[in-house]
N, C-alpha and C. Protein backbone atom coordinates (compact mmCIF):
# COMPACT_ATOMS: atom_id res chain seq x y z
N MET A 1 -44.46 -35.89 -22.31
CA MET A 1 -45.12 -34.61 -22.25
C MET A 1 -44.47 -33.62 -23.23
N ALA A 2 -43.17 -33.75 -23.43
CA ALA A 2 -42.49 -32.83 -24.34
C ALA A 2 -43.05 -32.94 -25.75
N GLY A 3 -43.20 -34.13 -26.25
CA GLY A 3 -43.75 -34.32 -27.59
C GLY A 3 -45.21 -33.90 -27.68
N ALA A 4 -45.96 -34.15 -26.63
CA ALA A 4 -47.38 -33.81 -26.62
C ALA A 4 -47.59 -32.30 -26.65
N LEU A 5 -46.78 -31.57 -25.90
CA LEU A 5 -46.96 -30.12 -25.81
C LEU A 5 -46.20 -29.35 -26.88
N LEU A 6 -45.03 -29.86 -27.26
CA LEU A 6 -44.16 -29.10 -28.16
C LEU A 6 -44.18 -29.58 -29.60
N GLY A 7 -44.74 -30.76 -29.84
CA GLY A 7 -44.71 -31.33 -31.18
C GLY A 7 -43.45 -32.16 -31.38
N ALA A 8 -43.35 -32.78 -32.55
CA ALA A 8 -42.28 -33.73 -32.82
C ALA A 8 -40.90 -33.08 -32.78
N ARG A 9 -40.69 -32.05 -33.57
CA ARG A 9 -39.36 -31.43 -33.66
C ARG A 9 -38.92 -30.77 -32.36
N SER A 10 -39.77 -29.89 -31.86
CA SER A 10 -39.39 -29.16 -30.64
C SER A 10 -39.32 -30.08 -29.43
N GLY A 11 -40.20 -31.07 -29.37
CA GLY A 11 -40.16 -32.03 -28.28
C GLY A 11 -38.88 -32.83 -28.29
N ALA A 12 -38.51 -33.33 -29.47
CA ALA A 12 -37.25 -34.09 -29.59
C ALA A 12 -36.06 -33.19 -29.31
N LEU A 13 -36.11 -31.95 -29.80
CA LEU A 13 -35.03 -31.00 -29.55
C LEU A 13 -34.87 -30.74 -28.06
N SER A 14 -35.98 -30.58 -27.36
CA SER A 14 -35.90 -30.33 -25.92
C SER A 14 -35.22 -31.49 -25.19
N GLN A 15 -35.53 -32.72 -25.60
CA GLN A 15 -34.92 -33.88 -24.97
C GLN A 15 -33.46 -34.02 -25.40
N GLY A 16 -33.17 -33.66 -26.64
CA GLY A 16 -31.78 -33.66 -27.11
C GLY A 16 -30.93 -32.65 -26.34
N ILE A 17 -31.51 -31.50 -26.06
CA ILE A 17 -30.80 -30.49 -25.26
C ILE A 17 -30.55 -31.03 -23.86
N TYR A 18 -31.55 -31.67 -23.28
CA TYR A 18 -31.38 -32.28 -21.95
C TYR A 18 -30.23 -33.28 -21.95
N VAL A 19 -30.20 -34.17 -22.93
CA VAL A 19 -29.13 -35.16 -23.01
C VAL A 19 -27.79 -34.46 -23.25
N GLY A 20 -27.78 -33.48 -24.13
CA GLY A 20 -26.56 -32.73 -24.40
C GLY A 20 -26.01 -32.02 -23.18
N ILE A 21 -26.90 -31.41 -22.40
CA ILE A 21 -26.48 -30.73 -21.17
C ILE A 21 -25.83 -31.72 -20.22
N GLY A 22 -26.43 -32.90 -20.12
CA GLY A 22 -25.84 -33.93 -19.25
C GLY A 22 -24.50 -34.41 -19.77
N LEU A 23 -24.37 -34.57 -21.07
CA LEU A 23 -23.11 -35.07 -21.64
C LEU A 23 -21.97 -34.07 -21.53
N ILE A 24 -22.28 -32.77 -21.45
CA ILE A 24 -21.19 -31.81 -21.28
C ILE A 24 -20.76 -31.67 -19.82
N GLY A 25 -21.44 -32.39 -18.95
CA GLY A 25 -20.96 -32.45 -17.56
C GLY A 25 -21.88 -31.89 -16.51
N ILE A 26 -22.97 -31.29 -16.89
CA ILE A 26 -23.91 -30.78 -15.88
C ILE A 26 -24.68 -31.99 -15.34
N PRO A 27 -24.67 -32.18 -14.03
CA PRO A 27 -25.22 -33.42 -13.45
C PRO A 27 -26.75 -33.45 -13.41
N VAL A 28 -27.36 -33.64 -14.59
CA VAL A 28 -28.82 -33.70 -14.66
C VAL A 28 -29.34 -35.13 -14.72
N PHE A 29 -28.45 -36.10 -14.94
CA PHE A 29 -28.87 -37.50 -14.99
C PHE A 29 -28.90 -38.08 -13.58
N THR A 30 -29.51 -39.23 -13.44
CA THR A 30 -29.65 -39.87 -12.14
C THR A 30 -28.33 -40.02 -11.40
N SER A 31 -27.29 -40.39 -12.14
CA SER A 31 -25.98 -40.61 -11.51
C SER A 31 -24.97 -39.55 -11.94
N GLY A 32 -25.41 -38.36 -12.22
CA GLY A 32 -24.48 -37.28 -12.55
C GLY A 32 -24.55 -36.85 -14.00
N GLY A 33 -23.39 -36.73 -14.62
CA GLY A 33 -23.32 -36.28 -16.00
C GLY A 33 -21.92 -36.49 -16.54
N GLY A 34 -21.65 -35.96 -17.70
CA GLY A 34 -20.36 -36.09 -18.37
C GLY A 34 -20.44 -37.06 -19.53
N PHE A 35 -19.48 -36.93 -20.46
CA PHE A 35 -19.51 -37.77 -21.66
C PHE A 35 -19.39 -39.25 -21.33
N SER A 36 -18.74 -39.58 -20.24
CA SER A 36 -18.59 -40.99 -19.87
C SER A 36 -19.94 -41.65 -19.58
N TYR A 37 -20.97 -40.85 -19.41
CA TYR A 37 -22.31 -41.39 -19.15
C TYR A 37 -22.81 -42.24 -20.31
N VAL A 38 -22.20 -42.08 -21.48
CA VAL A 38 -22.54 -42.91 -22.64
C VAL A 38 -22.33 -44.39 -22.30
N MET A 39 -21.39 -44.67 -21.43
CA MET A 39 -21.11 -46.04 -21.03
C MET A 39 -21.92 -46.48 -19.81
N HIS A 40 -22.84 -45.67 -19.39
CA HIS A 40 -23.71 -46.01 -18.26
C HIS A 40 -24.84 -46.91 -18.78
N PRO A 41 -25.24 -47.91 -18.03
CA PRO A 41 -26.28 -48.84 -18.50
C PRO A 41 -27.60 -48.18 -18.88
N THR A 42 -27.91 -47.03 -18.30
CA THR A 42 -29.20 -46.40 -18.59
C THR A 42 -29.15 -45.36 -19.71
N PHE A 43 -28.02 -45.17 -20.33
CA PHE A 43 -27.92 -44.14 -21.37
C PHE A 43 -28.84 -44.43 -22.56
N GLY A 44 -29.08 -45.66 -22.88
CA GLY A 44 -29.98 -46.00 -23.98
C GLY A 44 -31.39 -45.48 -23.75
N PHE A 45 -31.80 -45.45 -22.49
CA PHE A 45 -33.11 -44.90 -22.17
C PHE A 45 -33.14 -43.40 -22.43
N LEU A 46 -32.02 -42.71 -22.13
CA LEU A 46 -31.95 -41.28 -22.40
C LEU A 46 -32.08 -41.00 -23.89
N LEU A 47 -31.43 -41.81 -24.71
CA LEU A 47 -31.59 -41.67 -26.16
C LEU A 47 -33.05 -41.94 -26.54
N GLY A 48 -33.65 -42.89 -25.86
CA GLY A 48 -35.05 -43.21 -26.10
C GLY A 48 -35.98 -42.04 -25.81
N PHE A 49 -35.61 -41.18 -24.86
CA PHE A 49 -36.45 -40.02 -24.54
C PHE A 49 -36.56 -39.09 -25.75
N ILE A 50 -35.48 -38.95 -26.49
CA ILE A 50 -35.49 -38.10 -27.68
C ILE A 50 -36.46 -38.68 -28.71
N LEU A 51 -36.31 -39.96 -28.95
CA LEU A 51 -37.20 -40.65 -29.89
C LEU A 51 -38.65 -40.60 -29.40
N CYS A 52 -38.84 -40.80 -28.13
CA CYS A 52 -40.18 -40.81 -27.54
C CYS A 52 -40.89 -39.48 -27.79
N ALA A 53 -40.21 -38.37 -27.52
CA ALA A 53 -40.83 -37.06 -27.73
C ALA A 53 -41.19 -36.87 -29.20
N TRP A 54 -40.30 -37.28 -30.10
CA TRP A 54 -40.57 -37.14 -31.53
C TRP A 54 -41.77 -37.98 -31.94
N VAL A 55 -41.82 -39.22 -31.46
CA VAL A 55 -42.91 -40.13 -31.84
C VAL A 55 -44.26 -39.61 -31.35
N VAL A 56 -44.33 -39.17 -30.11
CA VAL A 56 -45.60 -38.66 -29.60
C VAL A 56 -46.03 -37.42 -30.40
N GLY A 57 -45.10 -36.52 -30.63
CA GLY A 57 -45.42 -35.32 -31.41
C GLY A 57 -45.87 -35.66 -32.81
N ARG A 58 -45.17 -36.57 -33.44
CA ARG A 58 -45.51 -36.98 -34.80
C ARG A 58 -46.87 -37.70 -34.83
N TRP A 59 -47.09 -38.57 -33.85
CA TRP A 59 -48.35 -39.31 -33.76
C TRP A 59 -49.54 -38.34 -33.66
N MET A 60 -49.35 -37.26 -32.95
CA MET A 60 -50.45 -36.34 -32.71
C MET A 60 -50.72 -35.39 -33.89
N GLU A 61 -49.80 -35.33 -34.85
CA GLU A 61 -50.01 -34.45 -36.00
C GLU A 61 -51.28 -34.86 -36.74
N GLY A 62 -52.19 -33.93 -36.87
CA GLY A 62 -53.44 -34.20 -37.58
C GLY A 62 -54.48 -34.94 -36.78
N ARG A 63 -54.17 -35.27 -35.53
CA ARG A 63 -55.14 -35.97 -34.68
C ARG A 63 -55.74 -34.99 -33.67
N GLU A 64 -56.94 -35.28 -33.27
CA GLU A 64 -57.59 -34.49 -32.24
C GLU A 64 -56.84 -34.65 -30.91
N PRO A 65 -56.73 -33.58 -30.13
CA PRO A 65 -56.03 -33.68 -28.84
C PRO A 65 -56.90 -34.35 -27.78
N LEU A 66 -57.18 -35.62 -28.02
CA LEU A 66 -58.01 -36.40 -27.11
C LEU A 66 -57.15 -37.34 -26.28
N PHE A 67 -57.66 -37.69 -25.12
CA PHE A 67 -56.95 -38.61 -24.23
C PHE A 67 -56.49 -39.86 -24.96
N ARG A 68 -57.39 -40.50 -25.69
CA ARG A 68 -57.06 -41.77 -26.35
C ARG A 68 -55.92 -41.62 -27.36
N ASN A 69 -55.87 -40.48 -28.05
CA ASN A 69 -54.79 -40.26 -29.01
C ASN A 69 -53.45 -40.05 -28.31
N PHE A 70 -53.44 -39.25 -27.27
CA PHE A 70 -52.20 -39.07 -26.50
C PHE A 70 -51.78 -40.39 -25.85
N PHE A 71 -52.75 -41.13 -25.35
CA PHE A 71 -52.46 -42.41 -24.71
C PHE A 71 -51.81 -43.38 -25.70
N THR A 72 -52.40 -43.53 -26.87
CA THR A 72 -51.87 -44.45 -27.88
C THR A 72 -50.46 -44.04 -28.30
N GLY A 73 -50.27 -42.78 -28.60
CA GLY A 73 -48.94 -42.30 -28.98
C GLY A 73 -47.91 -42.51 -27.88
N SER A 74 -48.32 -42.30 -26.65
CA SER A 74 -47.40 -42.46 -25.52
C SER A 74 -47.04 -43.93 -25.29
N VAL A 75 -48.00 -44.82 -25.48
CA VAL A 75 -47.70 -46.25 -25.34
C VAL A 75 -46.70 -46.69 -26.41
N ILE A 76 -46.96 -46.30 -27.66
CA ILE A 76 -46.04 -46.65 -28.75
C ILE A 76 -44.64 -46.10 -28.45
N ALA A 77 -44.57 -44.84 -28.04
CA ALA A 77 -43.27 -44.21 -27.77
C ALA A 77 -42.56 -44.89 -26.60
N THR A 78 -43.30 -45.27 -25.58
CA THR A 78 -42.68 -45.93 -24.43
C THR A 78 -42.11 -47.29 -24.81
N VAL A 79 -42.81 -48.01 -25.66
CA VAL A 79 -42.28 -49.29 -26.16
C VAL A 79 -40.94 -49.05 -26.87
N LEU A 80 -40.87 -47.99 -27.66
CA LEU A 80 -39.62 -47.68 -28.36
C LEU A 80 -38.49 -47.31 -27.40
N VAL A 81 -38.83 -46.61 -26.32
CA VAL A 81 -37.82 -46.29 -25.30
C VAL A 81 -37.23 -47.59 -24.76
N TYR A 82 -38.07 -48.56 -24.47
CA TYR A 82 -37.58 -49.83 -23.96
C TYR A 82 -36.82 -50.62 -25.02
N LEU A 83 -37.22 -50.51 -26.27
CA LEU A 83 -36.50 -51.20 -27.34
C LEU A 83 -35.09 -50.65 -27.52
N LEU A 84 -34.87 -49.41 -27.18
CA LEU A 84 -33.52 -48.84 -27.17
C LEU A 84 -32.81 -49.10 -25.84
N GLY A 85 -33.52 -48.86 -24.76
CA GLY A 85 -32.91 -48.88 -23.44
C GLY A 85 -32.49 -50.25 -22.93
N VAL A 86 -33.33 -51.25 -23.10
CA VAL A 86 -33.02 -52.58 -22.56
C VAL A 86 -31.81 -53.21 -23.25
N PRO A 87 -31.73 -53.19 -24.58
CA PRO A 87 -30.51 -53.75 -25.21
C PRO A 87 -29.24 -52.99 -24.80
N TRP A 88 -29.33 -51.67 -24.68
CA TRP A 88 -28.17 -50.87 -24.24
C TRP A 88 -27.77 -51.32 -22.83
N LEU A 89 -28.73 -51.42 -21.95
CA LEU A 89 -28.48 -51.87 -20.58
C LEU A 89 -27.78 -53.23 -20.58
N TYR A 90 -28.31 -54.14 -21.37
CA TYR A 90 -27.75 -55.48 -21.46
C TYR A 90 -26.30 -55.46 -21.97
N LEU A 91 -26.07 -54.73 -23.05
CA LEU A 91 -24.72 -54.68 -23.64
C LEU A 91 -23.70 -54.05 -22.70
N ILE A 92 -24.06 -52.96 -22.07
CA ILE A 92 -23.12 -52.29 -21.17
C ILE A 92 -22.84 -53.18 -19.95
N LEU A 93 -23.89 -53.75 -19.38
CA LEU A 93 -23.68 -54.58 -18.19
C LEU A 93 -22.88 -55.84 -18.51
N THR A 94 -23.18 -56.49 -19.63
CA THR A 94 -22.52 -57.77 -19.92
C THR A 94 -21.17 -57.60 -20.61
N LYS A 95 -21.06 -56.68 -21.53
CA LYS A 95 -19.82 -56.54 -22.31
C LYS A 95 -18.82 -55.57 -21.72
N VAL A 96 -19.30 -54.54 -21.04
CA VAL A 96 -18.40 -53.53 -20.47
C VAL A 96 -18.14 -53.81 -18.99
N SER A 97 -19.21 -54.06 -18.24
CA SER A 97 -19.06 -54.26 -16.80
C SER A 97 -18.83 -55.71 -16.41
N GLY A 98 -18.99 -56.64 -17.35
CA GLY A 98 -18.74 -58.04 -17.07
C GLY A 98 -19.77 -58.73 -16.20
N VAL A 99 -20.96 -58.18 -16.13
CA VAL A 99 -22.03 -58.77 -15.33
C VAL A 99 -22.57 -59.99 -16.09
N ASP A 100 -22.74 -61.09 -15.36
CA ASP A 100 -23.31 -62.30 -15.95
C ASP A 100 -24.83 -62.19 -15.87
N MET A 101 -25.45 -61.92 -17.01
CA MET A 101 -26.89 -61.69 -17.02
C MET A 101 -27.46 -62.09 -18.38
N SER A 102 -28.65 -62.64 -18.36
CA SER A 102 -29.32 -62.98 -19.61
C SER A 102 -30.09 -61.76 -20.11
N LEU A 103 -30.46 -61.79 -21.38
CA LEU A 103 -31.28 -60.71 -21.94
C LEU A 103 -32.64 -60.66 -21.24
N LEU A 104 -33.16 -61.82 -20.88
CA LEU A 104 -34.42 -61.87 -20.14
C LEU A 104 -34.31 -61.15 -18.80
N LYS A 105 -33.20 -61.37 -18.10
CA LYS A 105 -32.98 -60.70 -16.81
C LYS A 105 -32.86 -59.18 -17.02
N ALA A 106 -32.18 -58.77 -18.09
CA ALA A 106 -32.08 -57.35 -18.40
C ALA A 106 -33.46 -56.76 -18.66
N PHE A 107 -34.31 -57.52 -19.35
CA PHE A 107 -35.68 -57.09 -19.60
C PHE A 107 -36.46 -56.95 -18.29
N GLN A 108 -36.23 -57.88 -17.38
CA GLN A 108 -36.92 -57.84 -16.10
C GLN A 108 -36.50 -56.61 -15.29
N VAL A 109 -35.19 -56.37 -15.17
CA VAL A 109 -34.71 -55.27 -14.33
C VAL A 109 -34.77 -53.91 -15.02
N GLY A 110 -34.76 -53.91 -16.36
CA GLY A 110 -34.77 -52.65 -17.09
C GLY A 110 -36.12 -52.25 -17.64
N CYS A 111 -37.10 -53.13 -17.54
CA CYS A 111 -38.41 -52.83 -18.11
C CYS A 111 -39.56 -53.23 -17.19
N LEU A 112 -39.67 -54.51 -16.89
CA LEU A 112 -40.86 -55.00 -16.19
C LEU A 112 -41.14 -54.29 -14.88
N VAL A 113 -40.11 -54.02 -14.11
CA VAL A 113 -40.33 -53.38 -12.81
C VAL A 113 -40.83 -51.94 -12.95
N PHE A 114 -40.60 -51.33 -14.11
CA PHE A 114 -40.99 -49.94 -14.31
C PHE A 114 -42.34 -49.77 -15.00
N LEU A 115 -42.91 -50.86 -15.52
CA LEU A 115 -44.15 -50.76 -16.29
C LEU A 115 -45.33 -50.18 -15.50
N PRO A 116 -45.56 -50.58 -14.25
CA PRO A 116 -46.69 -49.97 -13.53
C PRO A 116 -46.56 -48.45 -13.40
N GLY A 117 -45.38 -47.98 -13.04
CA GLY A 117 -45.16 -46.54 -12.92
C GLY A 117 -45.27 -45.84 -14.26
N ASP A 118 -44.73 -46.47 -15.30
CA ASP A 118 -44.83 -45.88 -16.64
C ASP A 118 -46.29 -45.81 -17.09
N PHE A 119 -47.06 -46.83 -16.79
CA PHE A 119 -48.48 -46.80 -17.15
C PHE A 119 -49.18 -45.62 -16.46
N ALA A 120 -48.88 -45.43 -15.18
CA ALA A 120 -49.48 -44.31 -14.45
C ALA A 120 -49.05 -42.97 -15.07
N LYS A 121 -47.80 -42.86 -15.47
CA LYS A 121 -47.32 -41.62 -16.10
C LYS A 121 -48.00 -41.41 -17.45
N ILE A 122 -48.17 -42.47 -18.22
CA ILE A 122 -48.84 -42.36 -19.52
C ILE A 122 -50.27 -41.86 -19.33
N VAL A 123 -50.97 -42.40 -18.35
CA VAL A 123 -52.33 -41.96 -18.08
C VAL A 123 -52.32 -40.49 -17.66
N GLY A 124 -51.42 -40.11 -16.76
CA GLY A 124 -51.34 -38.73 -16.29
C GLY A 124 -50.99 -37.76 -17.41
N VAL A 125 -49.99 -38.10 -18.20
CA VAL A 125 -49.59 -37.23 -19.31
C VAL A 125 -50.71 -37.12 -20.33
N SER A 126 -51.35 -38.22 -20.64
CA SER A 126 -52.43 -38.21 -21.63
C SER A 126 -53.58 -37.34 -21.16
N TRP A 127 -53.92 -37.45 -19.90
CA TRP A 127 -55.01 -36.64 -19.35
C TRP A 127 -54.63 -35.16 -19.36
N LEU A 128 -53.43 -34.84 -18.84
CA LEU A 128 -52.99 -33.45 -18.81
C LEU A 128 -52.90 -32.85 -20.20
N ALA A 129 -52.28 -33.58 -21.12
CA ALA A 129 -52.13 -33.08 -22.48
C ALA A 129 -53.48 -32.85 -23.14
N SER A 130 -54.44 -33.72 -22.88
CA SER A 130 -55.77 -33.56 -23.49
C SER A 130 -56.49 -32.33 -22.93
N LYS A 131 -56.08 -31.86 -21.78
CA LYS A 131 -56.66 -30.64 -21.20
C LYS A 131 -55.88 -29.39 -21.61
N ILE A 132 -54.56 -29.51 -21.72
CA ILE A 132 -53.70 -28.35 -21.99
C ILE A 132 -53.63 -28.01 -23.47
N VAL A 133 -53.41 -29.00 -24.32
CA VAL A 133 -53.18 -28.73 -25.75
C VAL A 133 -54.35 -27.98 -26.41
N PRO A 134 -55.61 -28.33 -26.16
CA PRO A 134 -56.69 -27.54 -26.77
C PRO A 134 -56.65 -26.08 -26.35
N ARG A 135 -56.25 -25.81 -25.14
CA ARG A 135 -56.17 -24.42 -24.68
C ARG A 135 -55.00 -23.68 -25.30
N LEU A 136 -53.90 -24.40 -25.54
CA LEU A 136 -52.74 -23.78 -26.20
C LEU A 136 -53.07 -23.36 -27.62
N SER A 137 -53.87 -24.18 -28.30
CA SER A 137 -54.21 -23.85 -29.69
C SER A 137 -55.13 -22.64 -29.76
N ASN A 138 -55.81 -22.30 -28.67
CA ASN A 138 -56.67 -21.12 -28.64
C ASN A 138 -55.87 -19.84 -28.42
N LEU A 139 -54.63 -19.98 -28.00
CA LEU A 139 -53.81 -18.78 -27.78
C LEU A 139 -53.36 -18.29 -29.11
């Protein structure tokens, strides 16, 4: 939603600020905050949020604010979040925490179980953005 409403730069900046706030110790992440969160298995997904907002905003540049355009950009961006998040999860769990796990298992626990919910969010965000963005441009 950040990229859809704010555009590429501001959307990515908003997510960067969110990650930065968490890294300085304000407990905004699922398991708290602080710089040590970099070693948390889900930190790669947080980095992916920054990229995701930028990609959606960039994708929408020059495109009509239609559901299908927001949907396509959001799907592409979500794939990129997983391309960052799953390998990070795998590396932290296997190399730092010593968990015996295959990359396939990391994909299952870090991606597959979340796809139905992510799909619902993509549909919701795409619908909302297609209703809100045209009105914002009229202001």
